[in-house]
N, C-alpha and C. Protein backbone atom coordinates (compact mmCIF):
# COMPACT_ATOMS: atom_id res chain seq x y z
N MET A 1 -21.63 -11.37 -3.46
CA MET A 1 -22.53 -9.80 -3.47
C MET A 1 -21.84 -8.51 -4.18
N THR A 2 -22.13 -7.97 -4.92
CA THR A 2 -21.65 -6.88 -5.62
C THR A 2 -22.21 -5.73 -5.02
N HIS A 3 -21.19 -4.92 -4.85
CA HIS A 3 -21.85 -3.40 -4.11
C HIS A 3 -20.39 -2.44 -4.79
N THR A 4 -20.91 -1.20 -4.46
CA THR A 4 -20.05 -0.45 -5.42
C THR A 4 -19.34 0.15 -3.80
N VAL A 5 -18.01 0.65 -3.82
CA VAL A 5 -17.28 0.99 -3.04
C VAL A 5 -16.80 2.43 -3.11
N ASP A 6 -17.08 3.35 -1.85
CA ASP A 6 -16.49 4.78 -1.96
C ASP A 6 -15.30 5.06 -1.21
N LEU A 7 -14.50 4.95 -2.12
CA LEU A 7 -13.00 5.40 -1.32
C LEU A 7 -13.00 6.53 -0.40
N SER A 8 -13.85 7.44 -0.81
CA SER A 8 -13.75 8.62 0.05
C SER A 8 -14.73 8.34 1.82
N GLU A 9 -15.57 7.42 1.43
CA GLU A 9 -16.21 6.72 2.59
C GLU A 9 -15.43 6.12 3.47
N LYS A 10 -14.51 5.21 2.69
CA LYS A 10 -14.22 4.37 3.42
C LYS A 10 -12.68 4.79 4.03
N PHE A 11 -12.00 6.08 3.46
CA PHE A 11 -10.87 6.68 4.03
C PHE A 11 -11.27 6.96 5.03
N SER A 12 -12.63 7.78 4.69
CA SER A 12 -13.21 8.57 6.40
C SER A 12 -13.24 7.64 7.60
N ARG A 13 -13.41 6.54 7.35
CA ARG A 13 -13.05 5.36 8.37
C ARG A 13 -12.18 5.26 9.43
N PHE A 14 -11.06 5.70 9.00
CA PHE A 14 -9.75 5.07 9.85
C PHE A 14 -8.82 6.41 9.29
N SER A 15 -7.68 7.00 10.49
CA SER A 15 -7.12 7.42 10.56
C SER A 15 -5.58 7.26 10.49
N GLU A 16 -4.99 6.11 11.05
CA GLU A 16 -3.98 5.35 11.30
C GLU A 16 -3.47 5.25 9.73
N THR A 17 -2.31 5.57 10.32
CA THR A 17 -1.15 5.55 8.97
C THR A 17 -0.43 4.06 8.75
N TRP A 18 0.07 3.66 7.81
CA TRP A 18 0.88 2.55 7.62
C TRP A 18 -0.06 1.36 7.58
N THR A 19 -1.14 1.25 7.98
CA THR A 19 -1.87 0.11 8.51
C THR A 19 -2.83 -0.17 7.05
N PRO A 20 -2.40 -0.85 6.48
CA PRO A 20 -3.50 -1.32 5.00
C PRO A 20 -5.03 -1.96 5.74
N LYS A 21 -6.34 -1.63 5.11
CA LYS A 21 -7.12 -1.52 5.25
C LYS A 21 -8.09 -2.41 4.11
N ILE A 22 -8.33 -4.06 4.38
CA ILE A 22 -8.62 -4.38 3.28
C ILE A 22 -10.32 -3.86 2.87
N VAL A 23 -10.41 -3.47 1.65
CA VAL A 23 -11.83 -3.26 1.05
C VAL A 23 -12.54 -4.06 0.12
N GLY A 24 -11.66 -4.86 -0.25
CA GLY A 24 -12.68 -5.83 -1.27
C GLY A 24 -11.46 -7.22 -1.82
N ALA A 25 -11.92 -8.23 -2.43
CA ALA A 25 -11.18 -9.17 -2.80
C ALA A 25 -11.38 -9.24 -4.63
N VAL A 26 -10.29 -9.66 -5.45
CA VAL A 26 -10.41 -10.28 -6.40
C VAL A 26 -9.87 -11.46 -6.68
N ASN A 27 -10.52 -12.61 -6.88
CA ASN A 27 -9.78 -13.88 -6.75
C ASN A 27 -8.85 -14.11 -5.63
N ASP A 28 -7.64 -14.27 -5.77
CA ASP A 28 -6.23 -14.53 -4.35
C ASP A 28 -5.93 -13.00 -4.42
N MET A 29 -6.28 -12.06 -4.62
CA MET A 29 -6.08 -11.12 -4.47
C MET A 29 -6.91 -9.90 -3.68
N HIS A 30 -6.16 -9.09 -2.78
CA HIS A 30 -6.80 -8.19 -1.78
C HIS A 30 -6.76 -6.65 -2.51
N VAL A 31 -7.85 -6.02 -2.39
CA VAL A 31 -7.77 -4.69 -2.77
C VAL A 31 -8.01 -3.70 -1.16
N LYS A 32 -6.48 -2.93 -0.93
CA LYS A 32 -6.50 -2.52 0.36
C LYS A 32 -6.23 -0.87 0.36
N LEU A 33 -6.92 0.11 1.07
CA LEU A 33 -6.61 1.19 1.93
C LEU A 33 -5.47 1.85 2.57
N ALA A 34 -4.96 2.20 2.17
CA ALA A 34 -4.02 2.88 3.14
C ALA A 34 -3.53 4.50 3.28
N ARG A 35 -3.34 4.76 4.44
CA ARG A 35 -3.07 6.16 4.73
C ARG A 35 -1.47 6.13 4.83
N LEU A 36 -0.35 7.10 4.20
CA LEU A 36 0.61 7.12 4.61
C LEU A 36 1.50 8.47 4.85
N ALA A 37 2.16 8.36 5.69
CA ALA A 37 2.71 9.50 6.13
C ALA A 37 4.66 9.50 6.56
N GLY A 38 5.24 10.19 5.98
CA GLY A 38 6.57 10.46 5.86
C GLY A 38 7.49 9.09 5.46
N GLU A 39 8.13 8.02 6.03
CA GLU A 39 9.06 7.48 5.35
C GLU A 39 8.54 5.89 5.79
N PHE A 40 8.35 4.56 4.88
CA PHE A 40 8.24 3.43 5.92
C PHE A 40 9.33 2.61 5.94
N GLU A 41 9.81 1.57 5.36
CA GLU A 41 11.00 1.01 5.67
C GLU A 41 11.66 0.25 4.28
N TRP A 42 12.65 -0.24 4.06
CA TRP A 42 13.32 -0.96 2.91
C TRP A 42 12.35 -2.08 3.29
N HIS A 43 12.16 -3.08 2.12
CA HIS A 43 11.42 -4.23 2.18
C HIS A 43 11.36 -4.50 0.33
N SER A 44 11.15 -5.92 0.68
CA SER A 44 10.64 -6.10 -1.04
C SER A 44 10.12 -7.97 -0.31
N HIS A 45 9.28 -8.21 -1.39
CA HIS A 45 8.32 -9.21 -1.03
C HIS A 45 8.70 -10.26 -2.55
N THR A 46 9.49 -11.26 -2.03
CA THR A 46 9.64 -12.45 -2.58
C THR A 46 8.84 -12.66 -3.62
N GLU A 47 7.59 -13.46 -3.31
CA GLU A 47 6.75 -14.05 -4.42
C GLU A 47 5.68 -13.16 -4.59
N GLU A 48 5.73 -11.72 -4.43
CA GLU A 48 4.74 -10.73 -4.99
C GLU A 48 4.59 -9.87 -5.70
N ASP A 49 4.20 -9.67 -6.66
CA ASP A 49 3.82 -8.18 -6.94
C ASP A 49 3.07 -7.39 -6.25
N GLU A 50 3.12 -5.98 -6.32
CA GLU A 50 2.61 -5.12 -5.62
C GLU A 50 1.96 -3.70 -6.30
N LEU A 51 0.74 -3.62 -6.45
CA LEU A 51 0.26 -2.29 -7.32
C LEU A 51 0.37 -1.18 -6.47
N PHE A 52 0.64 0.22 -6.24
CA PHE A 52 0.23 1.09 -5.46
C PHE A 52 -0.35 2.24 -6.42
N PHE A 53 -1.83 2.78 -6.65
CA PHE A 53 -2.36 3.44 -6.60
C PHE A 53 -2.62 4.49 -5.99
N VAL A 54 -2.08 5.79 -6.58
CA VAL A 54 -2.23 7.44 -5.56
C VAL A 54 -3.47 7.44 -5.46
N VAL A 55 -4.67 7.86 -4.72
CA VAL A 55 -5.82 8.50 -4.72
C VAL A 55 -5.41 9.75 -4.40
N GLU A 56 -4.72 10.00 -3.29
CA GLU A 56 -4.48 11.68 -3.04
C GLU A 56 -3.19 11.92 -2.70
N GLY A 57 -2.54 13.00 -2.49
CA GLY A 57 -1.03 13.64 -2.51
C GLY A 57 -0.09 12.69 -3.40
N VAL A 58 1.05 12.88 -2.84
CA VAL A 58 2.33 12.77 -3.33
C VAL A 58 3.38 11.36 -3.37
N LEU A 59 3.08 10.24 -3.93
CA LEU A 59 4.22 9.33 -3.25
C LEU A 59 5.60 9.09 -3.83
N LEU A 60 6.28 9.08 -3.26
CA LEU A 60 7.80 8.82 -3.88
C LEU A 60 8.14 7.07 -3.88
N MET A 61 8.31 6.56 -4.11
CA MET A 61 9.13 4.92 -4.31
C MET A 61 10.46 4.74 -4.56
N GLN A 62 11.19 5.13 -3.57
CA GLN A 62 12.49 4.72 -4.09
C GLN A 62 12.91 3.37 -4.31
N PHE A 63 14.11 3.18 -5.32
CA PHE A 63 14.77 2.01 -5.06
C PHE A 63 15.84 2.12 -5.13
N ARG A 64 16.43 1.12 -4.94
CA ARG A 64 18.30 0.88 -5.10
C ARG A 64 18.75 2.05 -6.18
N ASP A 65 18.20 2.19 -7.36
CA ASP A 65 19.25 2.79 -8.27
C ASP A 65 18.40 4.16 -8.65
N ARG A 66 16.92 4.27 -8.63
CA ARG A 66 16.09 5.39 -8.56
C ARG A 66 15.04 5.84 -7.58
N THR A 67 14.20 6.57 -7.98
CA THR A 67 13.07 7.25 -7.30
C THR A 67 12.27 7.65 -8.40
N GLU A 68 10.80 6.95 -8.02
CA GLU A 68 9.80 7.12 -8.83
C GLU A 68 8.56 8.01 -8.11
N ARG A 69 8.15 9.30 -8.62
CA ARG A 69 7.61 10.47 -8.21
C ARG A 69 5.92 9.75 -8.72
N ILE A 70 4.75 9.34 -7.75
CA ILE A 70 3.47 9.03 -8.23
C ILE A 70 2.34 9.95 -7.76
N GLU A 71 1.81 10.33 -8.60
CA GLU A 71 0.89 11.30 -8.05
C GLU A 71 -0.73 10.80 -8.30
N PRO A 72 -1.64 11.56 -7.72
CA PRO A 72 -2.86 11.14 -7.60
C PRO A 72 -3.19 11.10 -9.26
N GLY A 73 -3.98 9.52 -9.40
CA GLY A 73 -4.38 8.96 -10.62
C GLY A 73 -3.59 8.46 -11.11
N GLN A 74 -2.42 8.10 -10.55
CA GLN A 74 -1.48 7.41 -11.20
C GLN A 74 -1.00 5.95 -10.31
N PHE A 75 -0.65 5.21 -11.12
CA PHE A 75 -0.21 3.96 -10.43
C PHE A 75 1.16 3.30 -11.04
N LEU A 76 1.71 2.75 -9.96
CA LEU A 76 2.82 1.96 -9.98
C LEU A 76 3.08 0.53 -9.77
N ILE A 77 3.69 -0.64 -10.36
CA ILE A 77 3.82 -2.00 -9.71
C ILE A 77 5.19 -2.11 -9.37
N VAL A 78 5.31 -2.63 -8.36
CA VAL A 78 6.49 -3.00 -7.83
C VAL A 78 6.92 -4.53 -8.07
N PRO A 79 7.29 -5.15 -8.80
CA PRO A 79 7.47 -6.18 -8.93
C PRO A 79 8.40 -7.05 -7.89
N ARG A 80 7.72 -8.57 -7.82
CA ARG A 80 8.32 -9.44 -6.67
C ARG A 80 9.70 -9.60 -6.75
N GLY A 81 10.72 -9.11 -5.78
CA GLY A 81 11.71 -9.47 -5.46
C GLY A 81 12.64 -8.21 -5.44
N VAL A 82 12.15 -7.01 -5.53
CA VAL A 82 12.42 -5.46 -5.95
C VAL A 82 12.39 -4.75 -4.43
N GLU A 83 13.78 -4.40 -4.10
CA GLU A 83 13.51 -3.98 -2.60
C GLU A 83 13.05 -2.32 -2.95
N HIS A 84 12.37 -2.06 -2.48
CA HIS A 84 11.88 -0.61 -2.44
C HIS A 84 11.17 0.22 -1.19
N LEU A 85 11.46 1.37 -0.92
CA LEU A 85 10.84 2.63 0.24
C LEU A 85 10.29 3.42 -0.06
N PRO A 86 8.64 3.20 0.39
CA PRO A 86 7.56 3.98 -0.02
C PRO A 86 8.01 5.43 0.85
N VAL A 87 7.95 6.52 0.38
CA VAL A 87 8.14 7.60 1.23
C VAL A 87 6.78 9.04 0.71
N THR A 88 6.30 9.58 1.61
CA THR A 88 5.17 10.62 1.07
C THR A 88 6.39 11.76 0.93
N GLU A 89 5.70 12.47 -0.43
CA GLU A 89 6.15 13.99 -0.46
C GLU A 89 5.27 15.03 0.04
N THR A 90 3.94 14.74 0.09
CA THR A 90 3.02 15.21 0.49
C THR A 90 2.72 14.97 2.41
N ASP A 91 2.14 15.67 3.04
CA ASP A 91 1.73 15.18 4.45
C ASP A 91 1.47 14.26 4.83
N GLU A 92 0.65 14.03 3.74
CA GLU A 92 -0.42 12.45 3.95
C GLU A 92 -0.60 11.99 2.30
N VAL A 93 -0.45 10.62 1.98
CA VAL A 93 -0.85 10.03 0.92
C VAL A 93 -1.87 9.27 0.93
N LYS A 94 -3.25 8.86 0.15
CA LYS A 94 -3.93 7.40 0.44
C LYS A 94 -3.61 6.94 -0.65
N VAL A 95 -3.41 5.70 -0.37
CA VAL A 95 -3.00 4.56 -1.71
C VAL A 95 -4.24 3.95 -1.79
N MET A 96 -4.49 3.16 -2.83
CA MET A 96 -5.14 1.74 -2.92
C MET A 96 -4.61 0.75 -3.65
N LEU A 97 -4.18 -0.35 -2.96
CA LEU A 97 -2.83 -1.08 -3.06
C LEU A 97 -3.69 -2.54 -3.70
N LEU A 98 -3.37 -3.02 -4.71
CA LEU A 98 -3.65 -4.23 -5.11
C LEU A 98 -2.61 -5.12 -5.29
N GLU A 99 -2.92 -6.37 -4.19
CA GLU A 99 -2.01 -7.41 -3.95
C GLU A 99 -2.14 -9.08 -3.68
N PRO A 100 -1.44 -10.02 -3.25
CA PRO A 100 -1.98 -10.96 -3.29
C PRO A 100 -2.72 -11.09 -1.46
N ALA A 101 -3.67 -12.00 -1.24
CA ALA A 101 -4.16 -11.83 0.30
C ALA A 101 -2.58 -12.11 1.05
N THR A 102 -1.71 -12.93 0.83
CA THR A 102 -1.19 -13.70 1.97
C THR A 102 0.12 -12.43 1.69
N THR A 103 0.08 -11.45 1.07
CA THR A 103 1.16 -10.10 1.27
C THR A 103 1.57 -9.61 2.52
N LEU A 104 2.70 -9.60 2.94
CA LEU A 104 2.71 -8.47 4.78
C LEU A 104 3.28 -7.36 4.09
N ASN A 105 2.98 -6.47 4.93
CA ASN A 105 3.19 -4.64 4.38
C ASN A 105 5.20 -4.61 4.22
N THR A 106 5.49 -5.20 5.26
CA THR A 106 6.49 -5.18 5.40
C THR A 106 7.64 -6.18 4.60
N GLY A 107 7.40 -7.09 4.11
CA GLY A 107 7.56 -8.07 3.22
C GLY A 107 7.90 -9.29 4.21
N GLU A 108 9.10 -9.87 3.75
CA GLU A 108 9.33 -11.19 4.25
C GLU A 108 10.38 -11.12 5.39
N GLY A 109 11.03 -10.31 5.52
CA GLY A 109 12.31 -9.99 6.81
C GLY A 109 11.67 -10.15 8.00
N GLU A 110 12.47 -9.71 8.90
CA GLU A 110 11.98 -9.82 10.41
C GLU A 110 10.81 -8.99 10.36
N ALA A 111 9.98 -9.44 11.49
CA ALA A 111 8.99 -8.24 11.73
C ALA A 111 9.22 -7.08 12.11
N SER A 112 8.84 -6.23 12.32
CA SER A 112 8.98 -4.49 12.79
C SER A 112 7.46 -4.21 13.53
N GLU A 113 8.09 -3.12 14.44
CA GLU A 113 6.43 -2.73 14.91
C GLU A 113 5.45 -2.01 13.56
N ARG A 114 5.95 -2.06 12.40
CA ARG A 114 4.74 -1.44 11.37
C ARG A 114 4.53 -2.94 10.75
N THR A 115 4.65 -3.94 10.90
CA THR A 115 4.24 -5.28 10.43
C THR A 115 2.82 -5.48 11.08
N VAL A 116 2.01 -5.76 9.71
CA VAL A 116 0.35 -5.71 10.49
C VAL A 116 0.02 -7.50 9.24
N LYS A 117 -0.45 -7.99 10.67
CA LYS A 117 -0.54 -9.47 10.25
C LYS A 117 -1.66 -9.57 10.08
N ASP A 118 -2.83 -9.00 10.52
CA ASP A 118 -4.22 -9.74 10.75
C ASP A 118 -4.86 -8.08 10.12
N LEU A 119 -5.06 -8.26 8.80
CA LEU A 119 -5.72 -6.98 8.64
C LEU A 119 -7.02 -6.66 8.66
N GLU A 120 -7.73 -5.42 8.93
CA GLU A 120 -9.19 -5.41 9.10
C GLU A 120 -9.77 -5.07 7.95
N TRP A 121 -11.11 -5.75 7.35
CA TRP A 121 -11.91 -5.28 6.41
C TRP A 121 -13.17 -4.23 6.94
N LEU A 122 -12.93 -3.45 5.94
CA LEU A 122 -13.73 -2.11 6.28
C LEU A 122 -15.06 -2.51 5.63
């Protein structure tokens, strides 16, 4: 079924941070929304690229050799295997993610308290 997705309405349905919610699927990819606040954790994804599209706020993506600043309306693709650390520059950042359905938010390392295994569909 085809339908329009209203990002504002979807973001209004949750308030927790660092807990992606699935809002769509494209082939074997999930379209996810997440609210971010503060610093996440260093991680990488061996087999999966990730796209971070900033809807609201400012996100800093730290890499071991540099930091990229992503503003509303901009996106950044983190290539597979690249270690990265998302950090919010503003109090909260709303992002849309595009990544393979198999992607764990904390990467392939050991699970942490921030690992979300069973994502909720909105």
